[in-house]
Amino acid sequence: MHRTCLGCGSEFVEDPSAIEPASCPVCESTSTVSPGVDDEPEEEDLEDVDDGLLG
């Protein structure tokens, strides 16, 4: 399964036999998502905060 790292944006293939959560081979972050799957609903909240700071 393809994953996208939230830390550095790298895309990689997750090892289906891995027991631990997928980690990015580039930056070792475990904050990864599958394309098309919204695992991180907090992102919308962060955008709202950014808009408040800019406004």
N, C-alpha and C. Protein backbone atom coordinates (compact mmCIF):
# COMPACT_ATOMS: atom_id res chain seq x y z
N MET A 1 0.85 -1.19 0.00
CA MET A 1 0.00 0.00 0.00
C MET A 1 0.89 1.25 0.00
N HIS A 2 0.53 2.20 -0.84
CA HIS A 2 1.30 3.44 -0.90
C HIS A 2 0.94 4.33 0.29
N ARG A 3 1.93 5.01 0.81
CA ARG A 3 1.75 5.93 1.93
C ARG A 3 2.41 7.26 1.58
N THR A 4 1.92 8.33 2.16
CA THR A 4 2.54 9.64 2.01
C THR A 4 2.93 10.14 3.39
N CYS A 5 4.18 10.59 3.53
CA CYS A 5 4.67 11.09 4.81
C CYS A 5 4.15 12.50 5.03
N LEU A 6 3.60 12.75 6.21
CA LEU A 6 3.14 14.10 6.54
C LEU A 6 4.29 15.00 6.94
N GLY A 7 5.42 14.39 7.30
CA GLY A 7 6.58 15.17 7.73
C GLY A 7 7.31 15.81 6.56
N CYS A 8 7.66 14.99 5.54
CA CYS A 8 8.47 15.53 4.44
C CYS A 8 7.77 15.41 3.09
N GLY A 9 6.63 14.74 3.03
CA GLY A 9 5.87 14.64 1.78
C GLY A 9 6.31 13.51 0.86
N SER A 10 7.26 12.69 1.31
CA SER A 10 7.73 11.58 0.48
C SER A 10 6.65 10.51 0.36
N GLU A 11 6.61 9.87 -0.81
CA GLU A 11 5.71 8.75 -1.01
C GLU A 11 6.52 7.47 -1.02
N PHE A 12 5.98 6.43 -0.39
CA PHE A 12 6.69 5.16 -0.33
C PHE A 12 5.69 4.02 -0.24
N VAL A 13 6.17 2.79 -0.41
CA VAL A 13 5.31 1.62 -0.34
C VAL A 13 5.47 0.97 1.03
N GLU A 14 4.35 0.80 1.71
CA GLU A 14 4.35 0.20 3.04
C GLU A 14 4.55 -1.31 2.93
N ASP A 15 5.37 -1.86 3.81
CA ASP A 15 5.60 -3.30 3.84
C ASP A 15 4.38 -3.97 4.46
N PRO A 16 3.65 -4.79 3.69
CA PRO A 16 2.42 -5.40 4.21
C PRO A 16 2.67 -6.37 5.35
N SER A 17 3.89 -6.85 5.51
CA SER A 17 4.20 -7.80 6.59
C SER A 17 4.69 -7.09 7.86
N ALA A 18 4.82 -5.77 7.80
CA ALA A 18 5.31 -5.02 8.95
C ALA A 18 4.27 -5.02 10.06
N ILE A 19 4.72 -5.22 11.29
CA ILE A 19 3.82 -5.22 12.45
C ILE A 19 3.65 -3.79 12.98
N GLU A 20 4.72 -3.02 12.96
CA GLU A 20 4.68 -1.64 13.46
C GLU A 20 4.07 -0.72 12.40
N PRO A 21 3.58 0.46 12.82
CA PRO A 21 3.06 1.43 11.85
C PRO A 21 4.14 1.82 10.85
N ALA A 22 3.70 2.12 9.64
CA ALA A 22 4.66 2.50 8.59
C ALA A 22 5.43 3.75 9.00
N SER A 23 6.73 3.73 8.77
CA SER A 23 7.54 4.93 9.01
C SER A 23 8.20 5.34 7.70
N CYS A 24 8.40 6.62 7.55
CA CYS A 24 8.98 7.17 6.32
C CYS A 24 10.45 6.77 6.21
N PRO A 25 10.86 6.22 5.06
CA PRO A 25 12.27 5.85 4.88
C PRO A 25 13.19 7.06 4.75
N VAL A 26 12.62 8.24 4.50
CA VAL A 26 13.43 9.44 4.33
C VAL A 26 13.69 10.13 5.67
N CYS A 27 12.63 10.42 6.43
CA CYS A 27 12.80 11.18 7.67
C CYS A 27 12.42 10.37 8.92
N GLU A 28 12.04 9.10 8.73
CA GLU A 28 11.71 8.20 9.85
C GLU A 28 10.44 8.60 10.60
N SER A 29 9.66 9.53 10.06
CA SER A 29 8.43 9.93 10.72
C SER A 29 7.39 8.81 10.62
N THR A 30 6.58 8.62 11.66
CA THR A 30 5.50 7.65 11.59
C THR A 30 4.17 8.33 11.29
N SER A 31 4.21 9.64 11.01
CA SER A 31 3.00 10.36 10.63
C SER A 31 2.82 10.22 9.13
N THR A 32 2.10 9.16 8.73
CA THR A 32 1.90 8.89 7.31
C THR A 32 0.42 8.64 7.04
N VAL A 33 0.00 8.88 5.82
CA VAL A 33 -1.38 8.65 5.42
C VAL A 33 -1.41 7.94 4.08
N SER A 34 -2.48 7.20 3.84
CA SER A 34 -2.70 6.61 2.54
C SER A 34 -3.36 7.66 1.65
N PRO A 35 -2.93 7.77 0.38
CA PRO A 35 -3.56 8.74 -0.51
C PRO A 35 -5.07 8.52 -0.57
N GLY A 36 -5.83 9.60 -0.47
CA GLY A 36 -7.28 9.51 -0.55
C GLY A 36 -7.95 9.17 0.77
N VAL A 37 -7.16 8.95 1.83
CA VAL A 37 -7.72 8.64 3.15
C VAL A 37 -7.39 9.79 4.10
N ASP A 38 -8.43 10.35 4.72
CA ASP A 38 -8.21 11.49 5.61
C ASP A 38 -8.03 10.99 7.04
N ASP A 39 -6.78 10.65 7.38
CA ASP A 39 -6.47 10.20 8.74
C ASP A 39 -6.32 11.37 9.70
N GLU A 40 -6.12 12.56 9.17
CA GLU A 40 -5.75 13.71 9.99
C GLU A 40 -6.79 14.83 9.88
N PRO A 41 -7.94 14.68 10.54
CA PRO A 41 -8.96 15.73 10.44
C PRO A 41 -8.51 17.04 11.08
N GLU A 42 -7.45 17.00 11.92
CA GLU A 42 -6.96 18.22 12.56
C GLU A 42 -6.45 19.24 11.55
N GLU A 43 -6.06 18.79 10.36
CA GLU A 43 -5.50 19.69 9.36
C GLU A 43 -6.46 20.86 9.08
N GLU A 44 -7.76 20.57 9.06
CA GLU A 44 -8.74 21.63 8.81
C GLU A 44 -8.68 22.67 9.92
N ASP A 45 -8.52 22.22 11.15
CA ASP A 45 -8.43 23.14 12.28
C ASP A 45 -7.19 24.02 12.15
N LEU A 46 -6.08 23.44 11.71
CA LEU A 46 -4.85 24.21 11.54
C LEU A 46 -5.04 25.30 10.49
N GLU A 47 -5.76 24.97 9.41
CA GLU A 47 -6.01 25.97 8.38
C GLU A 47 -6.83 27.14 8.94
N ASP A 48 -7.82 26.82 9.78
CA ASP A 48 -8.63 27.87 10.38
C ASP A 48 -7.78 28.78 11.25
N VAL A 49 -6.85 28.20 12.01
CA VAL A 49 -5.97 28.99 12.86
C VAL A 49 -5.08 29.89 12.01
N ASP A 50 -4.54 29.33 10.91
CA ASP A 50 -3.69 30.12 10.02
C ASP A 50 -4.47 31.31 9.46
N ASP A 51 -5.71 31.07 9.05
CA ASP A 51 -6.52 32.15 8.50
C ASP A 51 -6.72 33.24 9.56
N GLY A 52 -6.91 32.85 10.80
CA GLY A 52 -7.09 33.82 11.88
C GLY A 52 -5.85 34.65 12.10
N LEU A 53 -4.69 34.04 12.00
CA LEU A 53 -3.43 34.76 12.20
C LEU A 53 -3.18 35.74 11.06
N LEU A 54 -3.52 35.32 9.83
CA LEU A 54 -3.27 36.18 8.68
C LEU A 54 -4.27 37.33 8.62
N GLY A 55 -5.50 37.08 9.09
CA GLY A 55 -6.55 38.08 9.01
C GLY A 55 -6.37 39.10 10.08
